[in-house]
Amino acid sequence: MCGSANPSGLGLHVHRDGTDAVATFRPAERFQGYPDRLHGGIIGLLVDEMLVYAGAPHDLWGMTAKVRYWLRKPIPLEGVELVLRGRMIQQSGRGFRAVVSVHSGDTLVAEGEGMCVLRADPGAPQ
């Protein structure tokens, strides 16, 4: 779904904040679920993407092996900017665990967690 060359991607621009990966996301109408609400599956995509980026501040690149997420509040489509934060919480020789939070202003609207397996060479096709 994501990637800078994908015109249908999420359009995330991820940056480092200390040891966390952070991005912002403005929901578009094409991501509507219930009327005027962000589809919950898009939150799943955002959590999945930020899990992988949680390893980047630690020079680790992985692929999602396991993910789960919780929707805490309905998210409107208009007038909202979501702040996504991915944090690595555990590392092993094969991968890492991370948590993701999704905020709208000061309100936690979703969160997730998962595991990523390490890629041997992030530039090599898998």
C-alpha atoms as a PDB file:
ATOM      1  CA  MET A   1       0.000   0.000   0.000  1.00  0.00           C
ATOM      2  CA  CYS A   2       2.785   2.424   0.789  1.00  0.00           C
ATOM      3  CA  GLY A   3       5.874   3.589  -0.944  1.00  0.00           C
ATOM      4  CA  SER A   4       6.771   6.952  -2.391  1.00  0.00           C
ATOM      5  CA  ALA A   5       6.101   5.761  -5.964  1.00  0.00           C
ATOM      6  CA  ASN A   6       2.584   4.488  -5.137  1.00  0.00           C
ATOM      7  CA  PRO A   7      -0.014   7.155  -6.067  1.00  0.00           C
ATOM      8  CA  SER A   8      -2.628   5.247  -4.027  1.00  0.00           C
ATOM      9  CA  GLY A   9      -0.414   4.958  -0.948  1.00  0.00           C
ATOM     10  CA  LEU A  10      -0.978   6.532   2.440  1.00  0.00           C
ATOM     11  CA  GLY A  11       1.470   9.382   1.754  1.00  0.00           C
ATOM     12  CA  LEU A  12       3.240   9.132   5.105  1.00  0.00           C
ATOM     13  CA  HIS A  13       6.369  11.163   5.712  1.00  0.00           C
ATOM     14  CA  VAL A  14       8.020   9.482   8.675  1.00  0.00           C
ATOM     15  CA  HIS A  15      10.694  11.173  10.771  1.00  0.00           C
ATOM     16  CA  ARG A  16      12.687  10.293  13.828  1.00  0.00           C
ATOM     17  CA  ASP A  17      11.839  11.723  17.248  1.00  0.00           C
ATOM     18  CA  GLY A  18      14.495  10.404  19.616  1.00  0.00           C
ATOM     19  CA  THR A  19      14.127   6.634  19.424  1.00  0.00           C
ATOM     20  CA  ASP A  20      10.583   6.781  18.003  1.00  0.00           C
ATOM     21  CA  ALA A  21       9.291   6.999  14.449  1.00  0.00           C
ATOM     22  CA  VAL A  22       6.616   9.682  13.967  1.00  0.00           C
ATOM     23  CA  ALA A  23       4.333  10.618  11.079  1.00  0.00           C
ATOM     24  CA  THR A  24       1.178  12.602  10.470  1.00  0.00           C
ATOM     25  CA  PHE A  25      -1.810  11.520   8.406  1.00  0.00           C
ATOM     26  CA  ARG A  26      -4.792  13.479   7.122  1.00  0.00           C
ATOM     27  CA  PRO A  27      -7.657  11.127   6.205  1.00  0.00           C
ATOM     28  CA  ALA A  28      -8.975  11.480   2.651  1.00  0.00           C
ATOM     29  CA  GLU A  29     -12.548  10.852   1.545  1.00  0.00           C
ATOM     30  CA  ARG A  30     -11.491   7.689  -0.303  1.00  0.00           C
ATOM     31  CA  PHE A  31     -10.752   6.120   3.121  1.00  0.00           C
ATOM     32  CA  GLN A  32     -14.335   6.466   4.367  1.00  0.00           C
ATOM     33  CA  GLY A  33     -15.990   3.626   6.265  1.00  0.00           C
ATOM     34  CA  TYR A  34     -19.193   4.717   7.985  1.00  0.00           C
ATOM     35  CA  PRO A  35     -20.479   8.077   6.716  1.00  0.00           C
ATOM     36  CA  ASP A  36     -17.933  10.793   7.502  1.00  0.00           C
ATOM     37  CA  ARG A  37     -15.690   8.376   9.444  1.00  0.00           C
ATOM     38  CA  LEU A  38     -12.285   6.854   8.713  1.00  0.00           C
ATOM     39  CA  HIS A  39     -12.504   3.137   7.877  1.00  0.00           C
ATOM     40  CA  GLY A  40     -11.059   0.983  10.672  1.00  0.00           C
ATOM     41  CA  GLY A  41      -9.031  -1.016   8.162  1.00  0.00           C
ATOM     42  CA  ILE A  42      -7.058   2.113   7.285  1.00  0.00           C
ATOM     43  CA  ILE A  43      -6.062   2.348  10.943  1.00  0.00           C
ATOM     44  CA  GLY A  44      -4.803  -1.226  10.600  1.00  0.00           C
ATOM     45  CA  LEU A  45      -2.677  -0.170   7.617  1.00  0.00           C
ATOM     46  CA  LEU A  46      -1.296   2.818   9.525  1.00  0.00           C
ATOM     47  CA  VAL A  47      -0.396   0.661  12.531  1.00  0.00           C
ATOM     48  CA  ASP A  48       1.236  -1.932  10.272  1.00  0.00           C
ATOM     49  CA  GLU A  49       3.314   0.731   8.515  1.00  0.00           C
ATOM     50  CA  MET A  50       4.458   2.374  11.744  1.00  0.00           C
ATOM     51  CA  LEU A  51       5.474  -0.995  13.230  1.00  0.00           C
ATOM     52  CA  VAL A  52       8.070  -1.364  10.502  1.00  0.00           C
ATOM     53  CA  TYR A  53       9.255   2.235  10.888  1.00  0.00           C
ATOM     54  CA  ALA A  54       9.634   1.775  14.660  1.00  0.00           C
ATOM     55  CA  GLY A  55      12.846  -0.129  13.946  1.00  0.00           C
ATOM     56  CA  ALA A  56      14.361   2.550  11.700  1.00  0.00           C
ATOM     57  CA  PRO A  57      15.745   4.797  14.491  1.00  0.00           C
ATOM     58  CA  HIS A  58      17.661   1.703  15.618  1.00  0.00           C
ATOM     59  CA  ASP A  59      18.935   0.927  12.092  1.00  0.00           C
ATOM     60  CA  LEU A  60      16.621  -2.093  11.904  1.00  0.00           C
ATOM     61  CA  TRP A  61      14.345  -2.804   8.960  1.00  0.00           C
ATOM     62  CA  GLY A  62      11.742  -5.491   9.153  1.00  0.00           C
ATOM     63  CA  MET A  63       8.559  -6.854   7.682  1.00  0.00           C
ATOM     64  CA  THR A  64       5.428  -7.196   9.766  1.00  0.00           C
ATOM     65  CA  ALA A  65       4.929 -10.747  10.997  1.00  0.00           C
ATOM     66  CA  LYS A  66       2.099 -10.134  13.464  1.00  0.00           C
ATOM     67  CA  VAL A  67      -0.089  -7.105  14.150  1.00  0.00           C
ATOM     68  CA  ARG A  68      -3.160  -6.235  16.182  1.00  0.00           C
ATOM     69  CA  TYR A  69      -4.833  -2.930  16.841  1.00  0.00           C
ATOM     70  CA  TRP A  70      -7.645  -1.336  18.796  1.00  0.00           C
ATOM     71  CA  LEU A  71      -9.921   1.489  17.729  1.00  0.00           C
ATOM     72  CA  ARG A  72     -10.551   3.725  20.749  1.00  0.00           C
ATOM     73  CA  LYS A  73     -12.663   6.533  19.236  1.00  0.00           C
ATOM     74  CA  PRO A  74     -14.411   7.153  15.907  1.00  0.00           C
ATOM     75  CA  ILE A  75     -12.212   9.255  13.625  1.00  0.00           C
ATOM     76  CA  PRO A  76     -13.839  11.904  11.397  1.00  0.00           C
ATOM     77  CA  LEU A  77     -12.678  12.257   7.808  1.00  0.00           C
ATOM     78  CA  GLU A  78     -12.520  16.039   7.748  1.00  0.00           C
ATOM     79  CA  GLY A  79     -10.570  18.510   9.827  1.00  0.00           C
ATOM     80  CA  VAL A  80      -8.371  16.004  11.625  1.00  0.00           C
ATOM     81  CA  GLU A  81      -4.654  15.340  11.581  1.00  0.00           C
ATOM     82  CA  LEU A  82      -3.552  12.073  13.130  1.00  0.00           C
ATOM     83  CA  VAL A  83      -0.165  11.783  14.799  1.00  0.00           C
ATOM     84  CA  LEU A  84       1.289   8.284  14.543  1.00  0.00           C
ATOM     85  CA  ARG A  85       4.091   7.153  16.831  1.00  0.00           C
ATOM     86  CA  GLY A  86       5.932   3.835  16.559  1.00  0.00           C
ATOM     87  CA  ARG A  87       8.235   2.679  19.359  1.00  0.00           C
ATOM     88  CA  MET A  88      10.395  -0.427  19.444  1.00  0.00           C
ATOM     89  CA  ILE A  89      10.041  -2.151  22.816  1.00  0.00           C
ATOM     90  CA  GLN A  90      12.022  -5.367  22.375  1.00  0.00           C
ATOM     91  CA  GLN A  91      14.680  -6.710  20.032  1.00  0.00           C
ATOM     92  CA  SER A  92      15.911 -10.233  19.310  1.00  0.00           C
ATOM     93  CA  GLY A  93      18.258 -11.726  16.755  1.00  0.00           C
ATOM     94  CA  ARG A  94      15.377 -12.368  14.349  1.00  0.00           C
ATOM     95  CA  GLY A  95      13.281  -9.257  14.782  1.00  0.00           C
ATOM     96  CA  PHE A  96      11.650  -6.773  17.090  1.00  0.00           C
ATOM     97  CA  ARG A  97       8.389  -5.928  18.871  1.00  0.00           C
ATOM     98  CA  ALA A  98       6.877  -2.472  18.665  1.00  0.00           C
ATOM     99  CA  VAL A  99       3.870  -0.473  19.799  1.00  0.00           C
ATOM    100  CA  VAL A 100       2.024   2.225  17.887  1.00  0.00           C
ATOM    101  CA  SER A 101      -0.195   5.039  19.131  1.00  0.00           C
ATOM    102  CA  VAL A 102      -2.549   7.152  17.014  1.00  0.00           C
ATOM    103  CA  HIS A 103      -3.607  10.516  18.417  1.00  0.00           C
ATOM    104  CA  SER A 104      -5.971  13.210  17.237  1.00  0.00           C
ATOM    105  CA  GLY A 105      -4.861  16.223  19.228  1.00  0.00           C
ATOM    106  CA  ASP A 106      -4.557  15.040  22.831  1.00  0.00           C
ATOM    107  CA  THR A 107      -6.969  12.119  22.315  1.00  0.00           C
ATOM    108  CA  LEU A 108      -5.786   8.545  21.824  1.00  0.00           C
ATOM    109  CA  VAL A 109      -7.988   7.276  18.978  1.00  0.00           C
ATOM    110  CA  ALA A 110      -6.226   3.979  18.219  1.00  0.00           C
ATOM    111  CA  GLU A 111      -3.254   1.879  19.242  1.00  0.00           C
ATOM    112  CA  GLY A 112      -1.569  -1.309  18.185  1.00  0.00           C
ATOM    113  CA  GLU A 113       1.311  -3.673  18.645  1.00  0.00           C
ATOM    114  CA  GLY A 114       3.132  -6.256  16.644  1.00  0.00           C
ATOM    115  CA  MET A 115       6.272  -8.113  15.706  1.00  0.00           C
ATOM    116  CA  CYS A 116       8.543  -7.625  12.713  1.00  0.00           C
ATOM    117  CA  VAL A 117      11.088 -10.029  11.281  1.00  0.00           C
ATOM    118  CA  LEU A 118      14.370  -8.477  10.203  1.00  0.00           C
ATOM    119  CA  ARG A 119      15.249  -8.115   6.555  1.00  0.00           C
ATOM    120  CA  ALA A 120      18.808  -9.134   5.757  1.00  0.00           C
ATOM    121  CA  ASP A 121      19.307  -6.245   3.290  1.00  0.00           C
ATOM    122  CA  PRO A 122      16.588  -3.578   3.112  1.00  0.00           C
ATOM    123  CA  GLY A 123      17.618  -2.713  -0.451  1.00  0.00           C
ATOM    124  CA  ALA A 124      17.357  -6.274  -1.756  1.00  0.00           C
ATOM    125  CA  PRO A 125      14.075  -7.637  -3.157  1.00  0.00           C
ATOM    126  CA  GLN A 126      12.447 -10.245  -0.932  1.00  0.00           C
END
